[in-house]
């Protein structure tokens, strides 16, 4: 009887260890899958932000050109006022 009990005990230990091992492998795989999904979401958001920054940069360049033109017009207008003494 001692051998039978010993085999049953050993079998139980093996089953519990196997269940524990499978659980650990499952949790590691699940964690890696979650991590991959999260990285994908973050990458998508970063791509969206990058596109928005490009549009913003284009807008800033247009505004910068308009301000430069306005300043040049104002400088030319002041120069013309000094030269003629009249407003244009």
C-alpha atoms as a PDB file:
ATOM      1  CA  UNK A   1       0.000   0.000   0.000  1.00  0.00           C
ATOM      2  CA  UNK A   2       2.845   2.358   0.675  1.00  0.00           C
ATOM      3  CA  UNK A   3       4.015   2.162  -2.943  1.00  0.00           C
ATOM      4  CA  UNK A   4       0.508   2.844  -4.241  1.00  0.00           C
ATOM      5  CA  UNK A   5       0.105   5.848  -1.940  1.00  0.00           C
ATOM      6  CA  UNK A   6       3.518   7.079  -2.932  1.00  0.00           C
ATOM      7  CA  UNK A   7       2.657   6.813  -6.652  1.00  0.00           C
ATOM      8  CA  UNK A   8      -0.665   8.600  -6.119  1.00  0.00           C
ATOM      9  CA  UNK A   9       1.107  11.319  -4.152  1.00  0.00           C
ATOM     10  CA  UNK A  10       3.782  11.682  -6.832  1.00  0.00           C
ATOM     11  CA  UNK A  11       1.121  11.742  -9.565  1.00  0.00           C
ATOM     12  CA  UNK A  12      -0.756  14.450  -7.684  1.00  0.00           C
ATOM     13  CA  UNK A  13       2.396  16.502  -7.331  1.00  0.00           C
ATOM     14  CA  UNK A  14       3.111  16.128 -11.062  1.00  0.00           C
ATOM     15  CA  UNK A  15      -0.445  17.186 -11.965  1.00  0.00           C
ATOM     16  CA  UNK A  16      -0.305  20.233  -9.678  1.00  0.00           C
ATOM     17  CA  UNK A  17       3.142  21.188 -11.048  1.00  0.00           C
ATOM     18  CA  UNK A  18       1.892  20.771 -14.623  1.00  0.00           C
ATOM     19  CA  UNK A  19      -1.161  22.936 -13.933  1.00  0.00           C
ATOM     20  CA  UNK A  20       1.099  25.563 -12.349  1.00  0.00           C
ATOM     21  CA  UNK A  21       3.483  25.485 -15.306  1.00  0.00           C
ATOM     22  CA  UNK A  22       0.651  25.818 -17.849  1.00  0.00           C
ATOM     23  CA  UNK A  23      -0.802  28.703 -15.831  1.00  0.00           C
ATOM     24  CA  UNK A  24       2.546  30.525 -15.786  1.00  0.00           C
ATOM     25  CA  UNK A  25       3.049  29.998 -19.541  1.00  0.00           C
ATOM     26  CA  UNK A  26      -0.494  31.249 -20.222  1.00  0.00           C
ATOM     27  CA  UNK A  27       0.013  34.361 -18.070  1.00  0.00           C
ATOM     28  CA  UNK A  28       3.349  35.154 -19.747  1.00  0.00           C
ATOM     29  CA  UNK A  29       1.808  34.783 -23.222  1.00  0.00           C
ATOM     30  CA  UNK A  30      -1.207  36.873 -22.214  1.00  0.00           C
ATOM     31  CA  UNK A  31       1.099  39.571 -20.836  1.00  0.00           C
ATOM     32  CA  UNK A  32       3.147  39.628 -24.021  1.00  0.00           C
ATOM     33  CA  UNK A  33       0.004  39.839 -26.167  1.00  0.00           C
ATOM     34  CA  UNK A  34      -1.323  42.712 -24.036  1.00  0.00           C
ATOM     35  CA  UNK A  35       2.038  44.463 -24.278  1.00  0.00           C
ATOM     36  CA  UNK A  36       2.109  44.078 -28.067  1.00  0.00           C
ATOM     37  CA  UNK A  37      -1.447  45.446 -28.327  1.00  0.00           C
ATOM     38  CA  UNK A  38      -0.609  48.372 -26.029  1.00  0.00           C
ATOM     39  CA  UNK A  39       2.501  49.215 -28.031  1.00  0.00           C
ATOM     40  CA  UNK A  40       0.433  49.163 -31.211  1.00  0.00           C
ATOM     41  CA  UNK A  41      -2.092  51.591 -29.699  1.00  0.00           C
ATOM     42  CA  UNK A  42       0.671  53.927 -28.521  1.00  0.00           C
ATOM     43  CA  UNK A  43       2.312  53.819 -31.957  1.00  0.00           C
ATOM     44  CA  UNK A  44      -1.001  54.725 -33.624  1.00  0.00           C
ATOM     45  CA  UNK A  45      -1.435  57.689 -31.255  1.00  0.00           C
ATOM     46  CA  UNK A  46       2.138  58.846 -31.887  1.00  0.00           C
ATOM     47  CA  UNK A  47       1.530  58.694 -35.638  1.00  0.00           C
ATOM     48  CA  UNK A  48      -1.608  60.824 -35.201  1.00  0.00           C
ATOM     49  CA  UNK A  49       0.305  63.378 -33.116  1.00  0.00           C
ATOM     50  CA  UNK A  50       3.100  63.442 -35.702  1.00  0.00           C
ATOM     51  CA  UNK A  51       0.605  64.198 -38.485  1.00  0.00           C
ATOM     52  CA  UNK A  52      -0.983  66.966 -36.415  1.00  0.00           C
ATOM     53  CA  UNK A  53       2.443  68.479 -35.760  1.00  0.00           C
ATOM     54  CA  UNK A  54       3.169  68.494 -39.493  1.00  0.00           C
ATOM     55  CA  UNK A  55      -0.091  70.356 -40.152  1.00  0.00           C
ATOM     56  CA  UNK A  56       0.733  72.775 -37.341  1.00  0.00           C
ATOM     57  CA  UNK A  57       4.201  73.375 -38.782  1.00  0.00           C
ATOM     58  CA  UNK A  58       2.647  74.145 -42.181  1.00  0.00           C
ATOM     59  CA  UNK A  59       0.199  76.570 -40.556  1.00  0.00           C
ATOM     60  CA  UNK A  60       3.022  78.285 -38.673  1.00  0.00           C
ATOM     61  CA  UNK A  61       4.997  78.720 -41.898  1.00  0.00           C
ATOM     62  CA  UNK A  62       1.980  80.338 -43.594  1.00  0.00           C
ATOM     63  CA  UNK A  63       1.395  82.668 -40.632  1.00  0.00           C
ATOM     64  CA  UNK A  64       5.121  83.505 -40.520  1.00  0.00           C
ATOM     65  CA  UNK A  65       5.073  84.449 -44.209  1.00  0.00           C
ATOM     66  CA  UNK A  66       1.987  86.613 -43.688  1.00  0.00           C
ATOM     67  CA  UNK A  67       3.577  88.414 -40.729  1.00  0.00           C
ATOM     68  CA  UNK A  68       6.784  88.997 -42.712  1.00  0.00           C
ATOM     69  CA  UNK A  69       4.767  90.441 -45.607  1.00  0.00           C
ATOM     70  CA  UNK A  70       2.788  92.629 -43.224  1.00  0.00           C
ATOM     71  CA  UNK A  71       5.958  93.939 -41.587  1.00  0.00           C
ATOM     72  CA  UNK A  72       7.521  94.664 -44.973  1.00  0.00           C
ATOM     73  CA  UNK A  73       4.383  96.522 -46.071  1.00  0.00           C
ATOM     74  CA  UNK A  74       4.443  98.549 -42.860  1.00  0.00           C
ATOM     75  CA  UNK A  75       8.125  99.390 -43.305  1.00  0.00           C
ATOM     76  CA  UNK A  76       7.588 100.406 -46.931  1.00  0.00           C
ATOM     77  CA  UNK A  77       4.610 102.541 -45.903  1.00  0.00           C
ATOM     78  CA  UNK A  78       6.653 104.351 -43.210  1.00  0.00           C
ATOM     79  CA  UNK A  79       9.470 104.961 -45.683  1.00  0.00           C
ATOM     80  CA  UNK A  80       7.021 106.398 -48.203  1.00  0.00           C
ATOM     81  CA  UNK A  81       5.453 108.672 -45.534  1.00  0.00           C
ATOM     82  CA  UNK A  82       8.876 110.067 -44.611  1.00  0.00           C
ATOM     83  CA  UNK A  83       9.783 110.595 -48.267  1.00  0.00           C
ATOM     84  CA  UNK A  84       6.585 112.377 -49.302  1.00  0.00           C
ATOM     85  CA  UNK A  85       5.332 113.583 -45.966  1.00  0.00           C
ATOM     86  CA  UNK A  86       1.899 112.197 -46.848  1.00  0.00           C
ATOM     87  CA  UNK A  87       0.069 109.033 -46.165  1.00  0.00           C
ATOM     88  CA  UNK A  88      -0.263 106.736 -49.089  1.00  0.00           C
END
